[in-house]
PDB file of N, CA and C in Angstrom:
ATOM      1  N   MET A   1     174.129 154.387  73.895  1.00  0.00           N
ATOM      2  CA  MET A   1     172.927 154.412  73.960  1.00  0.00           C
ATOM      3  C   MET A   1     171.799 155.299  74.435  1.00  0.00           C
ATOM      4  N   THR A   2     170.835 155.605  73.969  1.00  0.00           N
ATOM      5  CA  THR A   2     169.688 156.274  75.012  1.00  0.00           C
ATOM      6  C   THR A   2     169.314 155.385  75.714  1.00  0.00           C
ATOM      7  N   ASP A   3     168.807 153.857  75.648  1.00  0.00           N
ATOM      8  CA  ASP A   3     168.212 152.917  77.109  1.00  0.00           C
ATOM      9  C   ASP A   3     169.332 151.782  76.896  1.00  0.00           C
ATOM     10  N   GLN A   4     168.845 151.167  78.097  1.00  0.00           N
ATOM     11  CA  GLN A   4     169.320 150.518  78.055  1.00  0.00           C
ATOM     12  C   GLN A   4     168.751 148.711  77.839  1.00  0.00           C
ATOM     13  N   GLN A   5     167.812 149.021  77.126  1.00  0.00           N
ATOM     14  CA  GLN A   5     167.642 147.354  76.083  1.00  0.00           C
ATOM     15  C   GLN A   5     168.737 146.962  74.887  1.00  0.00           C
ATOM     16  N   ALA A   6     168.950 145.786  74.955  1.00  0.00           N
ATOM     17  CA  ALA A   6     169.951 145.679  74.197  1.00  0.00           C
ATOM     18  C   ALA A   6     169.620 145.497  72.834  1.00  0.00           C
ATOM     19  N   PRO A   7     170.512 145.656  71.745  1.00  0.00           N
ATOM     20  CA  PRO A   7     169.661 145.604  69.957  1.00  0.00           C
ATOM     21  C   PRO A   7     169.635 144.254  69.811  1.00  0.00           C
ATOM     22  N   ASP A   8     169.126 144.414  68.732  1.00  0.00           N
ATOM     23  CA  ASP A   8     168.342 142.807  68.404  1.00  0.00           C
ATOM     24  C   ASP A   8     169.807 142.467  67.514  1.00  0.00           C
ATOM     25  N   LEU A   9     170.008 143.308  66.441  1.00  0.00           N
ATOM     26  CA  LEU A   9     170.923 143.602  65.534  1.00  0.00           C
ATOM     27  C   LEU A   9     172.018 144.145  65.340  1.00  0.00           C
ATOM     28  N   ALA A  10     173.001 144.291  65.867  1.00  0.00           N
ATOM     29  CA  ALA A  10     174.061 145.342  65.363  1.00  0.00           C
ATOM     30  C   ALA A  10     175.065 145.081  64.176  1.00  0.00           C
ATOM     31  N   ILE A  11     175.266 145.744  63.608  1.00  0.00           N
ATOM     32  CA  ILE A  11     176.017 146.014  62.452  1.00  0.00           C
ATOM     33  C   ILE A  11     177.241 146.729  62.957  1.00  0.00           C
ATOM     34  N   ILE A  12     178.337 146.518  62.711  1.00  0.00           N
ATOM     35  CA  ILE A  12     179.708 146.881  62.777  1.00  0.00           C
ATOM     36  C   ILE A  12     180.200 147.109  61.375  1.00  0.00           C
ATOM     37  N   LEU A  13     180.105 148.598  60.951  1.00  0.00           N
ATOM     38  CA  LEU A  13     180.121 149.063  59.848  1.00  0.00           C
ATOM     39  C   LEU A  13     181.658 149.350  59.633  1.00  0.00           C
ATOM     40  N   ILE A  14     182.704 148.258  58.497  1.00  0.00           N
ATOM     41  CA  ILE A  14     183.695 148.259  58.544  1.00  0.00           C
ATOM     42  C   ILE A  14     184.794 149.079  57.334  1.00  0.00           C
ATOM     43  N   THR A  15     183.434 148.758  56.179  1.00  0.00           N
ATOM     44  CA  THR A  15     183.668 149.159  54.613  1.00  0.00           C
ATOM     45  C   THR A  15     183.452 150.599  54.783  1.00  0.00           C
ATOM     46  N   GLY A  16     184.325 151.210  53.632  1.00  0.00           N
ATOM     47  CA  GLY A  16     184.182 152.466  53.488  1.00  0.00           C
ATOM     48  C   GLY A  16     184.436 153.056  52.305  1.00  0.00           C
ATOM     49  N   LEU A  17     185.041 153.807  51.537  1.00  0.00           N
ATOM     50  CA  LEU A  17     185.095 154.267  50.510  1.00  0.00           C
ATOM     51  C   LEU A  17     185.382 153.491  49.749  1.00  0.00           C
ATOM     52  N   GLU A  18     186.472 152.440  49.854  1.00  0.00           N
ATOM     53  CA  GLU A  18     187.068 151.436  48.945  1.00  0.00           C
ATOM     54  C   GLU A  18     186.546 150.693  48.271  1.00  0.00           C
ATOM     55  N   ASN A  19     185.222 150.398  48.899  1.00  0.00           N
ATOM     56  CA  ASN A  19     184.283 149.618  48.336  1.00  0.00           C
ATOM     57  C   ASN A  19     182.358 149.970  48.225  1.00  0.00           C
ATOM     58  N   PRO A  20     183.111 151.270  47.570  1.00  0.00           N
ATOM     59  CA  PRO A  20     181.129 151.486  47.655  1.00  0.00           C
ATOM     60  C   PRO A  20     179.615 151.058  47.183  1.00  0.00           C
ATOM     61  N   LYS A  21     180.515 150.128  45.985  1.00  0.00           N
ATOM     62  CA  LYS A  21     179.459 148.937  46.374  1.00  0.00           C
ATOM     63  C   LYS A  21     178.761 147.864  47.119  1.00  0.00           C
ATOM     64  N   ARG A  22     179.418 147.628  48.053  1.00  0.00           N
ATOM     65  CA  ARG A  22     179.124 147.185  49.206  1.00  0.00           C
ATOM     66  C   ARG A  22     178.046 147.491  50.342  1.00  0.00           C
ATOM     67  N   LEU A  23     178.318 148.909  50.333  1.00  0.00           N
ATOM     68  CA  LEU A  23     178.092 149.195  51.306  1.00  0.00           C
ATOM     69  C   LEU A  23     176.574 149.476  51.473  1.00  0.00           C
ATOM     70  N   PRO A  24     175.947 149.835  50.368  1.00  0.00           N
ATOM     71  CA  PRO A  24     174.025 149.700  50.673  1.00  0.00           C
ATOM     72  C   PRO A  24     173.521 148.643  51.339  1.00  0.00           C
ATOM     73  N   SER A  25     174.015 147.253  50.549  1.00  0.00           N
ATOM     74  CA  SER A  25     174.044 146.101  51.876  1.00  0.00           C
ATOM     75  C   SER A  25     173.525 145.995  53.263  1.00  0.00           C
ATOM     76  N   ALA A  26     174.229 147.280  53.699  1.00  0.00           N
ATOM     77  CA  ALA A  26     174.554 146.762  55.542  1.00  0.00           C
ATOM     78  C   ALA A  26     173.341 147.910  56.030  1.00  0.00           C
ATOM     79  N   PHE A  27     172.768 148.963  54.848  1.00  0.00           N
ATOM     80  CA  PHE A  27     171.888 149.743  55.617  1.00  0.00           C
ATOM     81  C   PHE A  27     170.578 149.257  54.706  1.00  0.00           C
ATOM     82  N   PHE A  28     170.479 148.503  54.213  1.00  0.00           N
ATOM     83  CA  PHE A  28     169.266 148.050  53.249  1.00  0.00           C
ATOM     84  C   PHE A  28     168.930 147.108  54.582  1.00  0.00           C
ATOM     85  N   LEU A  29     169.787 145.941  55.191  1.00  0.00           N
ATOM     86  CA  LEU A  29     169.727 145.117  56.156  1.00  0.00           C
ATOM     87  C   LEU A  29     169.460 145.576  57.999  1.00  0.00           C
ATOM     88  N   ALA A  30     170.137 146.588  57.770  1.00  0.00           N
ATOM     89  CA  ALA A  30     169.535 147.876  58.974  1.00  0.00           C
ATOM     90  C   ALA A  30     168.379 148.095  59.102  1.00  0.00           C
ATOM     91  N   SER A  31     168.072 148.755  57.914  1.00  0.00           N
ATOM     92  CA  SER A  31     166.686 149.544  57.820  1.00  0.00           C
ATOM     93  C   SER A  31     165.633 148.222  57.730  1.00  0.00           C
ATOM     94  N   THR A  32     165.773 147.309  57.478  1.00  0.00           N
ATOM     95  CA  THR A  32     165.061 145.904  56.884  1.00  0.00           C
ATOM     96  C   THR A  32     164.375 145.921  58.295  1.00  0.00           C
ATOM     97  N   ALA A  33     165.132 145.570  59.019  1.00  0.00           N
ATOM     98  CA  ALA A  33     165.343 144.987  60.134  1.00  0.00           C
ATOM     99  C   ALA A  33     164.326 145.757  61.497  1.00  0.00           C
ATOM    100  N   ALA A  34     165.089 147.412  61.454  1.00  0.00           N
ATOM    101  CA  ALA A  34     164.322 148.346  62.003  1.00  0.00           C
ATOM    102  C   ALA A  34     162.731 148.573  61.477  1.00  0.00           C
ATOM    103  N   ALA A  35     162.606 148.539  60.419  1.00  0.00           N
ATOM    104  CA  ALA A  35     161.573 148.440  59.720  1.00  0.00           C
ATOM    105  C   ALA A  35     160.537 146.814  60.427  1.00  0.00           C
ATOM    106  N   MET A  36     161.023 145.873  60.670  1.00  0.00           N
ATOM    107  CA  MET A  36     160.718 145.160  61.897  1.00  0.00           C
ATOM    108  C   MET A  36     160.270 145.179  62.973  1.00  0.00           C
ATOM    109  N   GLU A  37     160.578 146.296  63.611  1.00  0.00           N
ATOM    110  CA  GLU A  37     160.300 146.005  64.915  1.00  0.00           C
ATOM    111  C   GLU A  37     161.855 145.927  65.609  1.00  0.00           C
ATOM    112  N   GLN A  38     162.752 145.965  65.549  1.00  0.00           N
ATOM    113  CA  GLN A  38     163.841 145.154  65.684  1.00  0.00           C
ATOM    114  C   GLN A  38     164.878 146.344  66.252  1.00  0.00           C
ATOM    115  N   LYS A  39     165.326 146.560  67.320  1.00  0.00           N
ATOM    116  CA  LYS A  39     166.328 147.304  67.592  1.00  0.00           C
ATOM    117  C   LYS A  39     167.649 147.077  66.978  1.00  0.00           C
ATOM    118  N   VAL A  40     168.412 148.460  66.019  1.00  0.00           N
ATOM    119  CA  VAL A  40     169.213 148.047  65.463  1.00  0.00           C
ATOM    120  C   VAL A  40     170.239 149.318  65.640  1.00  0.00           C
ATOM    121  N   VAL A  41     171.480 148.527  65.878  1.00  0.00           N
ATOM    122  CA  VAL A  41     172.343 149.760  65.922  1.00  0.00           C
ATOM    123  C   VAL A  41     173.808 149.758  65.056  1.00  0.00           C
ATOM    124  N   LEU A  42     174.201 150.332  64.100  1.00  0.00           N
ATOM    125  CA  LEU A  42     175.330 150.113  63.195  1.00  0.00           C
ATOM    126  C   LEU A  42     176.186 151.570  63.975  1.00  0.00           C
ATOM    127  N   TYR A  43     176.707 150.601  64.206  1.00  0.00           N
ATOM    128  CA  TYR A  43     178.786 150.913  64.944  1.00  0.00           C
ATOM    129  C   TYR A  43     179.740 151.086  63.443  1.00  0.00           C
ATOM    130  N   PHE A  44     180.240 152.898  63.133  1.00  0.00           N
ATOM    131  CA  PHE A  44     181.171 152.798  61.628  1.00  0.00           C
ATOM    132  C   PHE A  44     182.349 153.282  62.686  1.00  0.00           C
ATOM    133  N   THR A  45     183.271 152.340  61.994  1.00  0.00           N
ATOM    134  CA  THR A  45     185.157 152.212  62.427  1.00  0.00           C
ATOM    135  C   THR A  45     185.524 152.130  61.330  1.00  0.00           C
ATOM    136  N   GLY A  46     187.127 152.262  61.689  1.00  0.00           N
ATOM    137  CA  GLY A  46     187.867 151.697  60.441  1.00  0.00           C
ATOM    138  C   GLY A  46     187.553 153.444  59.793  1.00  0.00           C
ATOM    139  N   PRO A  47     187.989 152.576  58.374  1.00  0.00           N
ATOM    140  CA  PRO A  47     187.215 153.306  56.790  1.00  0.00           C
ATOM    141  C   PRO A  47     185.919 153.966  56.808  1.00  0.00           C
ATOM    142  N   ALA A  48     184.921 153.052  57.498  1.00  0.00           N
ATOM    143  CA  ALA A  48     183.873 153.416  57.398  1.00  0.00           C
ATOM    144  C   ALA A  48     183.115 154.940  58.044  1.00  0.00           C
ATOM    145  N   THR A  49     184.157 154.787  59.098  1.00  0.00           N
ATOM    146  CA  THR A  49     183.880 156.365  59.917  1.00  0.00           C
ATOM    147  C   THR A  49     183.831 157.489  58.532  1.00  0.00           C
ATOM    148  N   GLU A  50     184.856 157.156  57.790  1.00  0.00           N
ATOM    149  CA  GLU A  50     184.963 158.284  56.792  1.00  0.00           C
ATOM    150  C   GLU A  50     183.314 158.797  55.328  1.00  0.00           C
ATOM    151  N   LEU A  51     182.646 158.211  55.977  1.00  0.00           N
ATOM    152  CA  LEU A  51     180.969 157.852  55.558  1.00  0.00           C
ATOM    153  C   LEU A  51     180.573 159.005  56.169  1.00  0.00           C
ATOM    154  N   LEU A  52     180.813 159.350  57.873  1.00  0.00           N
ATOM    155  CA  LEU A  52     180.118 160.090  58.365  1.00  0.00           C
ATOM    156  C   LEU A  52     180.407 161.676  58.096  1.00  0.00           C
ATOM    157  N   LYS A  53     181.686 161.973  57.699  1.00  0.00           N
ATOM    158  CA  LYS A  53     182.141 163.435  57.395  1.00  0.00           C
ATOM    159  C   LYS A  53     181.392 164.034  56.081  1.00  0.00           C
ATOM    160  N   LYS A  54     181.362 165.071  56.503  1.00  0.00           N
ATOM    161  CA  LYS A  54     179.934 165.891  55.411  1.00  0.00           C
ATOM    162  C   LYS A  54     180.822 165.962  54.254  1.00  0.00           C
ATOM    163  N   GLY A  55     179.396 165.676  52.737  1.00  0.00           N
ATOM    164  CA  GLY A  55     180.143 165.850  52.153  1.00  0.00           C
ATOM    165  C   GLY A  55     180.483 164.511  51.564  1.00  0.00           C
ATOM    166  N   VAL A  56     180.466 163.458  52.123  1.00  0.00           N
ATOM    167  CA  VAL A  56     181.206 162.045  51.754  1.00  0.00           C
ATOM    168  C   VAL A  56     180.081 161.579  51.425  1.00  0.00           C
ATOM    169  N   ALA A  57     179.079 160.906  52.322  1.00  0.00           N
ATOM    170  CA  ALA A  57     178.416 159.881  51.795  1.00  0.00           C
ATOM    171  C   ALA A  57     177.377 160.606  50.822  1.00  0.00           C
ATOM    172  N   GLU A  58     177.272 161.741  50.554  1.00  0.00           N
ATOM    173  CA  GLU A  58     176.091 162.836  49.559  1.00  0.00           C
ATOM    174  C   GLU A  58     177.052 162.721  48.168  1.00  0.00           C
ATOM    175  N   ARG A  59     178.766 162.398  48.304  1.00  0.00           N
ATOM    176  CA  ARG A  59     179.064 161.902  46.804  1.00  0.00           C
ATOM    177  C   ARG A  59     179.102 160.599  46.239  1.00  0.00           C
ATOM    178  N   ILE A  60     178.786 159.598  47.372  1.00  0.00           N
ATOM    179  CA  ILE A  60     178.596 158.526  46.835  1.00  0.00           C
ATOM    180  C   ILE A  60     177.696 157.854  46.326  1.00  0.00           C
ATOM    181  N   VAL A  61     177.752 157.393  44.974  1.00  0.00           N
ATOM    182  CA  VAL A  61     176.525 156.857  44.488  1.00  0.00           C
ATOM    183  C   VAL A  61     176.947 155.302  43.687  1.00  0.00           C
ATOM    184  N   PRO A  62     176.748 154.312  44.660  1.00  0.00           N
ATOM    185  CA  PRO A  62     177.569 152.790  44.386  1.00  0.00           C
ATOM    186  C   PRO A  62     176.757 152.403  42.950  1.00  0.00           C
ATOM    187  N   LEU A  63     175.782 152.575  42.330  1.00  0.00           N
ATOM    188  CA  LEU A  63     175.549 151.994  41.144  1.00  0.00           C
ATOM    189  C   LEU A  63     174.990 153.585  39.963  1.00  0.00           C
ATOM    190  N   GLU A  64     175.385 153.361  39.100  1.00  0.00           N
ATOM    191  CA  GLU A  64     175.384 154.755  38.263  1.00  0.00           C
ATOM    192  C   GLU A  64     173.464 154.735  38.469  1.00  0.00           C
ATOM    193  N   GLY A  65     172.932 155.998  38.306  1.00  0.00           N
ATOM    194  CA  GLY A  65     171.850 156.846  38.627  1.00  0.00           C
ATOM    195  C   GLY A  65     170.836 155.858  39.884  1.00  0.00           C
ATOM    196  N   GLY A  66     171.942 155.549  40.550  1.00  0.00           N
ATOM    197  CA  GLY A  66     170.950 155.218  41.713  1.00  0.00           C
ATOM    198  C   GLY A  66     171.264 156.134  42.409  1.00  0.00           C
ATOM    199  N   LYS A  67     170.597 155.955  43.862  1.00  0.00           N
ATOM    200  CA  LYS A  67     170.927 156.465  45.724  1.00  0.00           C
ATOM    201  C   LYS A  67     172.250 156.574  46.170  1.00  0.00           C
ATOM    202  N   THR A  68     172.573 157.880  46.953  1.00  0.00           N
ATOM    203  CA  THR A  68     173.500 158.219  47.521  1.00  0.00           C
ATOM    204  C   THR A  68     173.307 157.549  48.760  1.00  0.00           C
ATOM    205  N   ILE A  69     174.719 157.106  49.406  1.00  0.00           N
ATOM    206  CA  ILE A  69     175.080 156.662  50.615  1.00  0.00           C
ATOM    207  C   ILE A  69     174.430 157.145  51.859  1.00  0.00           C
ATOM    208  N   ALA A  70     174.014 159.087  51.023  1.00  0.00           N
ATOM    209  CA  ALA A  70     173.626 159.749  52.042  1.00  0.00           C
ATOM    210  C   ALA A  70     171.971 159.232  52.373  1.00  0.00           C
ATOM    211  N   GLU A  71     171.632 159.362  51.013  1.00  0.00           N
ATOM    212  CA  GLU A  71     169.921 158.542  50.911  1.00  0.00           C
ATOM    213  C   GLU A  71     169.826 157.220  51.778  1.00  0.00           C
ATOM    214  N   PHE A  72     171.217 156.293  51.765  1.00  0.00           N
ATOM    215  CA  PHE A  72     170.766 155.110  52.470  1.00  0.00           C
ATOM    216  C   PHE A  72     170.706 154.518  54.103  1.00  0.00           C
ATOM    217  N   MET A  73     171.571 156.012  54.683  1.00  0.00           N
ATOM    218  CA  MET A  73     171.613 156.075  55.371  1.00  0.00           C
ATOM    219  C   MET A  73     170.746 156.876  55.966  1.00  0.00           C
ATOM    220  N   LYS A  74     169.867 157.601  55.908  1.00  0.00           N
ATOM    221  CA  LYS A  74     169.043 158.800  55.981  1.00  0.00           C
ATOM    222  C   LYS A  74     167.980 157.754  56.076  1.00  0.00           C
ATOM    223  N   LEU A  75     167.590 157.002  55.228  1.00  0.00           N
ATOM    224  CA  LEU A  75     166.252 155.943  55.586  1.00  0.00           C
ATOM    225  C   LEU A  75     166.517 155.000  56.559  1.00  0.00           C
ATOM    226  N   ALA A  76     167.781 154.465  56.541  1.00  0.00           N
ATOM    227  CA  ALA A  76     168.074 153.962  57.740  1.00  0.00           C
ATOM    228  C   ALA A  76     167.892 154.628  59.217  1.00  0.00           C
ATOM    229  N   GLN A  77     167.750 155.261  59.318  1.00  0.00           N
ATOM    230  CA  GLN A  77     168.031 156.439  60.400  1.00  0.00           C
ATOM    231  C   GLN A  77     166.231 156.708  60.729  1.00  0.00           C
ATOM    232  N   GLU A  78     165.622 156.897  59.441  1.00  0.00           N
ATOM    233  CA  GLU A  78     164.249 156.858  59.833  1.00  0.00           C
ATOM    234  C   GLU A  78     163.450 156.452  59.779  1.00  0.00           C
ATOM    235  N   ASN A  79     163.943 154.293  60.145  1.00  0.00           N
ATOM    236  CA  ASN A  79     163.571 153.537  60.473  1.00  0.00           C
ATOM    237  C   ASN A  79     164.007 152.888  61.049  1.00  0.00           C
ATOM    238  N   GLY A  80     164.897 154.264  61.767  1.00  0.00           N
ATOM    239  CA  GLY A  80     164.786 153.582  63.446  1.00  0.00           C
ATOM    240  C   GLY A  80     165.962 153.254  64.108  1.00  0.00           C
ATOM    241  N   VAL A  81     166.920 152.862  63.071  1.00  0.00           N
ATOM    242  CA  VAL A  81     168.061 152.540  63.164  1.00  0.00           C
ATOM    243  C   VAL A  81     169.179 153.646  63.998  1.00  0.00           C
ATOM    244  N   GLN A  82     169.986 153.301  65.108  1.00  0.00           N
ATOM    245  CA  GLN A  82     170.329 154.248  65.891  1.00  0.00           C
ATOM    246  C   GLN A  82     172.283 153.927  64.958  1.00  0.00           C
ATOM    247  N   MET A  83     172.763 155.007  64.580  1.00  0.00           N
ATOM    248  CA  MET A  83     174.086 155.137  64.186  1.00  0.00           C
ATOM    249  C   MET A  83     175.536 155.703  65.748  1.00  0.00           C
ATOM    250  N   ILE A  84     176.530 154.916  65.374  1.00  0.00           N
ATOM    251  CA  ILE A  84     177.312 155.307  66.416  1.00  0.00           C
ATOM    252  C   ILE A  84     178.362 155.587  65.957  1.00  0.00           C
ATOM    253  N   GLY A  85     179.465 156.643  65.975  1.00  0.00           N
ATOM    254  CA  GLY A  85     180.706 156.491  65.281  1.00  0.00           C
ATOM    255  C   GLY A  85     181.814 156.430  66.402  1.00  0.00           C
ATOM    256  N   CYS A  86     182.516 155.950  65.750  1.00  0.00           N
ATOM    257  CA  CYS A  86     184.156 155.588  66.948  1.00  0.00           C
ATOM    258  C   CYS A  86     184.799 156.706  66.472  1.00  0.00           C
ATOM    259  N   SER A  87     184.452 157.045  67.887  1.00  0.00           N
ATOM    260  CA  SER A  87     186.017 157.713  68.372  1.00  0.00           C
ATOM    261  C   SER A  87     187.428 158.141  68.088  1.00  0.00           C
ATOM    262  N   GLN A  88     188.037 156.593  67.906  1.00  0.00           N
ATOM    263  CA  GLN A  88     188.924 156.463  68.252  1.00  0.00           C
ATOM    264  C   GLN A  88     189.517 156.505  66.736  1.00  0.00           C
ATOM    265  N   SER A  89     188.445 156.083  65.393  1.00  0.00           N
ATOM    266  CA  SER A  89     188.391 156.476  63.971  1.00  0.00           C
ATOM    267  C   SER A  89     188.820 157.418  63.798  1.00  0.00           C
ATOM    268  N   LEU A  90     187.765 158.077  64.182  1.00  0.00           N
ATOM    269  CA  LEU A  90     187.905 159.826  64.200  1.00  0.00           C
ATOM    270  C   LEU A  90     189.529 160.353  64.061  1.00  0.00           C
ATOM    271  N   ASP A  91     189.662 160.216  65.136  1.00  0.00           N
ATOM    272  CA  ASP A  91     191.107 160.386  66.072  1.00  0.00           C
ATOM    273  C   ASP A  91     192.252 159.942  64.611  1.00  0.00           C
ATOM    274  N   LEU A  92     192.095 159.101  64.678  1.00  0.00           N
ATOM    275  CA  LEU A  92     192.954 158.283  63.521  1.00  0.00           C
ATOM    276  C   LEU A  92     192.952 158.851  61.592  1.00  0.00           C
ATOM    277  N   LEU A  93     192.103 159.037  61.498  1.00  0.00           N
ATOM    278  CA  LEU A  93     191.763 159.538  60.245  1.00  0.00           C
ATOM    279  C   LEU A  93     191.646 161.407  60.349  1.00  0.00           C
ATOM    280  N   GLY A  94     192.017 161.800  61.476  1.00  0.00           N
ATOM    281  CA  GLY A  94     191.939 163.140  61.674  1.00  0.00           C
ATOM    282  C   GLY A  94     191.385 164.272  61.585  1.00  0.00           C
ATOM    283  N   MET A  95     189.602 163.551  61.593  1.00  0.00           N
ATOM    284  CA  MET A  95     188.722 164.394  61.891  1.00  0.00           C
ATOM    285  C   MET A  95     188.152 164.224  63.490  1.00  0.00           C
ATOM    286  N   THR A  96     186.866 165.588  63.427  1.00  0.00           N
ATOM    287  CA  THR A  96     186.406 165.701  64.692  1.00  0.00           C
ATOM    288  C   THR A  96     184.846 165.343  64.836  1.00  0.00           C
ATOM    289  N   ALA A  97     184.518 165.797  65.984  1.00  0.00           N
ATOM    290  CA  ALA A  97     182.765 165.481  65.877  1.00  0.00           C
ATOM    291  C   ALA A  97     182.270 166.844  64.891  1.00  0.00           C
ATOM    292  N   ALA A  98     183.405 168.164  64.816  1.00  0.00           N
ATOM    293  CA  ALA A  98     182.695 169.065  63.698  1.00  0.00           C
ATOM    294  C   ALA A  98     183.168 169.253  62.501  1.00  0.00           C
ATOM    295  N   ASP A  99     183.593 167.836  62.017  1.00  0.00           N
ATOM    296  CA  ASP A  99     183.392 167.431  60.558  1.00  0.00           C
ATOM    297  C   ASP A  99     182.311 166.509  60.539  1.00  0.00           C
ATOM    298  N   LEU A 100     181.409 166.332  61.146  1.00  0.00           N
ATOM    299  CA  LEU A 100     180.319 165.107  61.339  1.00  0.00           C
ATOM    300  C   LEU A 100     179.460 165.751  60.185  1.00  0.00           C
ATOM    301  N   ARG A 101     178.793 164.814  59.362  1.00  0.00           N
ATOM    302  CA  ARG A 101     177.476 165.831  59.268  1.00  0.00           C
ATOM    303  C   ARG A 101     176.000 165.682  59.671  1.00  0.00           C
ATOM    304  N   GLN A 102     176.291 165.212  60.956  1.00  0.00           N
ATOM    305  CA  GLN A 102     175.365 164.985  61.771  1.00  0.00           C
ATOM    306  C   GLN A 102     175.964 164.679  62.887  1.00  0.00           C
ATOM    307  N   THR A 103     175.113 165.096  64.313  1.00  0.00           N
ATOM    308  CA  THR A 103     175.003 164.761  65.496  1.00  0.00           C
ATOM    309  C   THR A 103     175.093 163.319  65.525  1.00  0.00           C
ATOM    310  N   LEU A 104     176.176 162.455  66.221  1.00  0.00           N
ATOM    311  CA  LEU A 104     175.422 161.474  66.257  1.00  0.00           C
ATOM    312  C   LEU A 104     176.488 160.929  67.798  1.00  0.00           C
ATOM    313  N   PRO A 105     176.015 159.906  68.311  1.00  0.00           N
ATOM    314  CA  PRO A 105     176.971 159.143  69.535  1.00  0.00           C
ATOM    315  C   PRO A 105     178.366 158.847  68.923  1.00  0.00           C
ATOM    316  N   LEU A 106     179.559 158.960  69.842  1.00  0.00           N
ATOM    317  CA  LEU A 106     180.717 158.716  69.426  1.00  0.00           C
ATOM    318  C   LEU A 106     181.393 157.753  70.746  1.00  0.00           C
ATOM    319  N   MET A 107     181.564 157.140  70.509  1.00  0.00           N
ATOM    320  CA  MET A 107     182.441 156.174  71.138  1.00  0.00           C
ATOM    321  C   MET A 107     183.277 155.133  70.810  1.00  0.00           C
ATOM    322  N   THR A 108     184.668 154.890  71.838  1.00  0.00           N
ATOM    323  CA  THR A 108     185.707 153.681  71.509  1.00  0.00           C
ATOM    324  C   THR A 108     184.977 153.025  71.698  1.00  0.00           C
ATOM    325  N   PRO A 109     185.955 152.023  70.707  1.00  0.00           N
ATOM    326  CA  PRO A 109     185.646 150.548  70.878  1.00  0.00           C
ATOM    327  C   PRO A 109     185.435 150.094  72.155  1.00  0.00           C
ATOM    328  N   SER A 110     186.249 149.950  73.055  1.00  0.00           N
ATOM    329  CA  SER A 110     185.815 149.691  74.331  1.00  0.00           C
ATOM    330  C   SER A 110     184.887 150.073  75.246  1.00  0.00           C
ATOM    331  N   GLY A 111     184.323 151.155  74.651  1.00  0.00           N
ATOM    332  CA  GLY A 111     183.085 151.979  75.031  1.00  0.00           C
ATOM    333  C   GLY A 111     181.552 150.963  73.989  1.00  0.00           C
ATOM    334  N   ALA A 112     182.081 150.920  73.334  1.00  0.00           N
ATOM    335  CA  ALA A 112     180.933 150.398  72.281  1.00  0.00           C
ATOM    336  C   ALA A 112     180.666 148.595  72.364  1.00  0.00           C
ATOM    337  N   LEU A 113     181.619 148.251  72.891  1.00  0.00           N
ATOM    338  CA  LEU A 113     181.858 146.411  72.865  1.00  0.00           C
ATOM    339  C   LEU A 113     180.323 145.934  73.438  1.00  0.00           C
ATOM    340  N   PRO A 114     180.541 146.701  74.939  1.00  0.00           N
ATOM    341  CA  PRO A 114     179.886 146.382  75.727  1.00  0.00           C
ATOM    342  C   PRO A 114     177.816 146.390  75.476  1.00  0.00           C
ATOM    343  N   ILE A 115     178.090 147.465  74.332  1.00  0.00           N
ATOM    344  CA  ILE A 115     176.497 147.255  73.986  1.00  0.00           C
ATOM    345  C   ILE A 115     176.580 146.259  72.626  1.00  0.00           C
ATOM    346  N   LEU A 116     177.005 146.505  71.798  1.00  0.00           N
ATOM    347  CA  LEU A 116     177.709 145.332  70.690  1.00  0.00           C
ATOM    348  C   LEU A 116     177.095 144.223  71.086  1.00  0.00           C
ATOM    349  N   GLY A 117     177.963 143.671  71.714  1.00  0.00           N
ATOM    350  CA  GLY A 117     178.207 142.565  72.617  1.00  0.00           C
ATOM    351  C   GLY A 117     176.518 141.946  73.214  1.00  0.00           C
ATOM    352  N   GLN A 118     175.900 142.726  73.514  1.00  0.00           N
ATOM    353  CA  GLN A 118     174.832 142.385  74.002  1.00  0.00           C
ATOM    354  C   GLN A 118     173.762 141.918  73.044  1.00  0.00           C
ATOM    355  N   ALA A 119     174.295 142.583  71.490  1.00  0.00           N
ATOM    356  CA  ALA A 119     173.536 142.070  70.430  1.00  0.00           C
ATOM    357  C   ALA A 119     172.559 141.137  70.582  1.00  0.00           C
ATOM    358  N   GLY A 120     171.542 140.495  70.076  1.00  0.00           N
ATOM    359  CA  GLY A 120     170.922 139.183  69.825  1.00  0.00           C
ATOM    360  C   GLY A 120     172.116 138.888  68.310  1.00  0.00           C
ATOM    361  N   LYS A 121     172.134 139.192  67.094  1.00  0.00           N
ATOM    362  CA  LYS A 121     173.064 139.207  66.613  1.00  0.00           C
ATOM    363  C   LYS A 121     173.927 140.407  66.156  1.00  0.00           C
ATOM    364  N   VAL A 122     175.136 139.772  65.943  1.00  0.00           N
ATOM    365  CA  VAL A 122     176.200 140.739  65.129  1.00  0.00           C
ATOM    366  C   VAL A 122     176.715 140.407  63.815  1.00  0.00           C
ATOM    367  N   LEU A 123     176.779 141.594  63.249  1.00  0.00           N
ATOM    368  CA  LEU A 123     177.451 141.718  61.285  1.00  0.00           C
ATOM    369  C   LEU A 123     178.192 142.579  61.794  1.00  0.00           C
ATOM    370  N   THR A 124     179.409 141.946  60.744  1.00  0.00           N
ATOM    371  CA  THR A 124     180.537 143.282  60.009  1.00  0.00           C
ATOM    372  C   THR A 124     180.423 142.746  59.063  1.00  0.00           C
ATOM    373  N   TRP A 125     180.164 144.495  58.116  1.00  0.00           N
ATOM    374  CA  TRP A 125     180.112 144.460  57.105  1.00  0.00           C
ATOM    375  C   TRP A 125     181.084 145.647  56.851  1.00  0.00           C
TER     376      TRP A 125
END
C-alpha cells in the first residue's frame, strides 16, 4: 500500500470466471464504501487473479446487455479502491506481471495479510 493507514474495508476476492454473476457485488460494495470516503483494498487471489489478465475482464458480462467486469473494476478504481494482486496466484496460473491489464501492486499472501488484517472489516468474496 502506498501509505500506512489501515483500510476501513478489505475485500479478499477469490471468485473468478467460474461464477461471473457473483462478481459485480464485490465491486459495488468496494465502490460504495470508497465513495463514502472509506479506505478500501481489494485483494485478488486464487481464481480471481485471472480477472487481472489482459482481455479477460473485458469479455465477462455477468448479465446479458449489462456492463463488463472491466467496467466495474474501472468504477471501483475511480472511486479510490486500491487493487492488489496475489503474486503467488499469478505464479500458480502461469501468469506474470506482463500479462496484467494494468500495473498494480503484487503481494504474496504473507505480505498482504498484515494489511488485510488491520482492516476495520474484512469480506471474502
